[in-house]
Amino acid sequence: MSEGLTLFNSKGKFKILKILLEEDEINISALIRKTRISYKFMERYLLELEREGIIRQKRFGKIRIISLEDNGLTRVLKEFFLTLEKIEKEDYVKGYV
């Protein structure tokens, strides 16, 4: 892992992680479509996330599949996003009750 976790200093990386939590694995083209991040920035973000131990990339010829690593950091991040989702739903419901 690098000197510091850079996930929260980029909306792009945040979007990537959120999608990877919903999908077990995804190819880079689908990830670009879903996040609307340019290929140039996607490359940079994926490299940073891989260096930080958050994602892994598998290559099958020209096809590249991205998935989350299974480690303590990603388990904590999954829990964080689940908690964030619950809070967002509760606040949404509170506004209509």
C-alpha atoms as a PDB file:
ATOM      1  CA  MET A   1       0.000   0.000   0.000  1.00  0.00           C
ATOM      2  CA  SER A   2       1.222   3.551  -0.702  1.00  0.00           C
ATOM      3  CA  GLU A   3       1.889   6.315   1.835  1.00  0.00           C
ATOM      4  CA  GLY A   4      -1.790   7.194   2.211  1.00  0.00           C
ATOM      5  CA  LEU A   5      -5.200   6.104   1.069  1.00  0.00           C
ATOM      6  CA  THR A   6      -6.237   8.408  -1.782  1.00  0.00           C
ATOM      7  CA  LEU A   7      -9.738   7.030  -2.287  1.00  0.00           C
ATOM      8  CA  PHE A   8     -11.517   9.953  -0.676  1.00  0.00           C
ATOM      9  CA  ASN A   9      -9.623  12.679  -2.536  1.00  0.00           C
ATOM     10  CA  SER A  10     -11.275  11.784  -5.834  1.00  0.00           C
ATOM     11  CA  LYS A  11     -14.925  11.576  -6.849  1.00  0.00           C
ATOM     12  CA  GLY A  12     -13.858   9.305  -9.697  1.00  0.00           C
ATOM     13  CA  LYS A  13     -12.279   6.687  -7.432  1.00  0.00           C
ATOM     14  CA  PHE A  14     -15.273   6.923  -5.128  1.00  0.00           C
ATOM     15  CA  LYS A  15     -17.587   6.147  -8.099  1.00  0.00           C
ATOM     16  CA  ILE A  16     -15.386   3.246  -9.185  1.00  0.00           C
ATOM     17  CA  LEU A  17     -15.442   1.689  -5.734  1.00  0.00           C
ATOM     18  CA  LYS A  18     -19.190   2.113  -5.388  1.00  0.00           C
ATOM     19  CA  ILE A  19     -19.763   0.250  -8.667  1.00  0.00           C
ATOM     20  CA  LEU A  20     -17.282  -2.479  -7.762  1.00  0.00           C
ATOM     21  CA  LEU A  21     -19.167  -3.031  -4.522  1.00  0.00           C
ATOM     22  CA  GLU A  22     -22.334  -3.629  -6.548  1.00  0.00           C
ATOM     23  CA  GLU A  23     -20.667  -5.859  -9.149  1.00  0.00           C
ATOM     24  CA  ASP A  24     -18.301  -8.713  -8.389  1.00  0.00           C
ATOM     25  CA  GLU A  25     -16.247  -7.915 -11.472  1.00  0.00           C
ATOM     26  CA  ILE A  26     -16.633  -5.604 -14.422  1.00  0.00           C
ATOM     27  CA  ASN A  27     -14.741  -4.944 -17.624  1.00  0.00           C
ATOM     28  CA  ILE A  28     -13.132  -1.578 -18.132  1.00  0.00           C
ATOM     29  CA  SER A  29     -15.494  -0.524 -20.941  1.00  0.00           C
ATOM     30  CA  ALA A  30     -18.574  -1.093 -18.770  1.00  0.00           C
ATOM     31  CA  LEU A  31     -16.904   0.670 -15.849  1.00  0.00           C
ATOM     32  CA  ILE A  32     -16.168   3.698 -18.037  1.00  0.00           C
ATOM     33  CA  ARG A  33     -19.785   3.760 -19.272  1.00  0.00           C
ATOM     34  CA  LYS A  34     -21.256   3.499 -15.775  1.00  0.00           C
ATOM     35  CA  THR A  35     -18.974   6.094 -14.184  1.00  0.00           C
ATOM     36  CA  ARG A  36     -18.717   8.423 -17.192  1.00  0.00           C
ATOM     37  CA  ILE A  37     -15.010   8.807 -16.444  1.00  0.00           C
ATOM     38  CA  SER A  38     -12.683   9.302 -19.405  1.00  0.00           C
ATOM     39  CA  TYR A  39     -10.308   6.487 -20.330  1.00  0.00           C
ATOM     40  CA  LYS A  40      -7.313   8.652 -19.396  1.00  0.00           C
ATOM     41  CA  PHE A  41      -8.557   9.279 -15.852  1.00  0.00           C
ATOM     42  CA  MET A  42      -9.845   5.707 -15.483  1.00  0.00           C
ATOM     43  CA  GLU A  43      -6.342   4.408 -16.213  1.00  0.00           C
ATOM     44  CA  ARG A  44      -4.858   6.691 -13.564  1.00  0.00           C
ATOM     45  CA  TYR A  45      -7.486   5.863 -10.940  1.00  0.00           C
ATOM     46  CA  LEU A  46      -7.229   2.112 -11.507  1.00  0.00           C
ATOM     47  CA  LEU A  47      -3.447   2.214 -11.213  1.00  0.00           C
ATOM     48  CA  GLU A  48      -3.687   4.139  -7.920  1.00  0.00           C
ATOM     49  CA  LEU A  49      -6.368   1.808  -6.526  1.00  0.00           C
ATOM     50  CA  GLU A  50      -4.310  -1.225  -7.522  1.00  0.00           C
ATOM     51  CA  ARG A  51      -1.199   0.181  -5.835  1.00  0.00           C
ATOM     52  CA  GLU A  52      -3.245   0.768  -2.675  1.00  0.00           C
ATOM     53  CA  GLY A  53      -4.380  -2.862  -2.636  1.00  0.00           C
ATOM     54  CA  ILE A  54      -8.053  -2.056  -3.230  1.00  0.00           C
ATOM     55  CA  ILE A  55      -8.555  -3.580  -6.686  1.00  0.00           C
ATOM     56  CA  ARG A  56      -7.020  -6.196  -8.930  1.00  0.00           C
ATOM     57  CA  GLN A  57      -7.015  -6.324 -12.702  1.00  0.00           C
ATOM     58  CA  LYS A  58      -7.045  -9.484 -14.795  1.00  0.00           C
ATOM     59  CA  ARG A  59      -6.237  -9.406 -18.486  1.00  0.00           C
ATOM     60  CA  PHE A  60      -7.591 -11.806 -21.068  1.00  0.00           C
ATOM     61  CA  GLY A  61      -6.090 -10.583 -24.321  1.00  0.00           C
ATOM     62  CA  LYS A  62      -7.533  -7.117 -24.893  1.00  0.00           C
ATOM     63  CA  ILE A  63     -10.217  -7.601 -22.247  1.00  0.00           C
ATOM     64  CA  ARG A  64      -9.488  -6.249 -18.785  1.00  0.00           C
ATOM     65  CA  ILE A  65     -11.592  -7.288 -15.797  1.00  0.00           C
ATOM     66  CA  ILE A  66     -11.525  -5.236 -12.603  1.00  0.00           C
ATOM     67  CA  SER A  67     -12.594  -6.522  -9.188  1.00  0.00           C
ATOM     68  CA  LEU A  68     -12.076  -5.698  -5.535  1.00  0.00           C
ATOM     69  CA  GLU A  69      -9.291  -7.378  -3.624  1.00  0.00           C
ATOM     70  CA  ASP A  70     -10.411  -9.443  -0.662  1.00  0.00           C
ATOM     71  CA  ASN A  71      -8.510  -8.011   2.282  1.00  0.00           C
ATOM     72  CA  GLY A  72      -9.084  -6.127   5.510  1.00  0.00           C
ATOM     73  CA  LEU A  73      -9.109  -2.747   3.812  1.00  0.00           C
ATOM     74  CA  THR A  74     -11.776  -3.663   1.265  1.00  0.00           C
ATOM     75  CA  ARG A  75     -13.911  -5.309   3.946  1.00  0.00           C
ATOM     76  CA  VAL A  76     -13.800  -2.071   5.968  1.00  0.00           C
ATOM     77  CA  LEU A  77     -14.660  -0.069   2.843  1.00  0.00           C
ATOM     78  CA  LYS A  78     -17.609  -2.387   2.092  1.00  0.00           C
ATOM     79  CA  GLU A  79     -18.908  -1.871   5.622  1.00  0.00           C
ATOM     80  CA  PHE A  80     -18.435   1.890   5.281  1.00  0.00           C
ATOM     81  CA  PHE A  81     -20.465   2.012   2.063  1.00  0.00           C
ATOM     82  CA  LEU A  82     -23.229  -0.185   3.522  1.00  0.00           C
ATOM     83  CA  THR A  83     -23.469   2.128   6.528  1.00  0.00           C
ATOM     84  CA  LEU A  84     -23.458   5.197   4.278  1.00  0.00           C
ATOM     85  CA  GLU A  85     -26.257   3.681   2.187  1.00  0.00           C
ATOM     86  CA  LYS A  86     -28.350   3.008   5.319  1.00  0.00           C
ATOM     87  CA  ILE A  87     -27.860   6.574   6.513  1.00  0.00           C
ATOM     88  CA  GLU A  88     -28.856   7.974   3.125  1.00  0.00           C
ATOM     89  CA  LYS A  89     -32.023   5.831   3.099  1.00  0.00           C
ATOM     90  CA  GLU A  90     -32.938   6.820   6.658  1.00  0.00           C
ATOM     91  CA  ASP A  91     -32.475  10.520   5.919  1.00  0.00           C
ATOM     92  CA  TYR A  92     -34.517  10.157   2.732  1.00  0.00           C
ATOM     93  CA  VAL A  93     -37.345   8.434   4.596  1.00  0.00           C
ATOM     94  CA  LYS A  94     -37.227  10.974   7.466  1.00  0.00           C
ATOM     95  CA  GLY A  95     -37.911  13.766   4.992  1.00  0.00           C
ATOM     96  CA  TYR A  96     -41.252  12.150   4.056  1.00  0.00           C
ATOM     97  CA  VAL A  97     -42.488  10.968   7.443  1.00  0.00           C
END
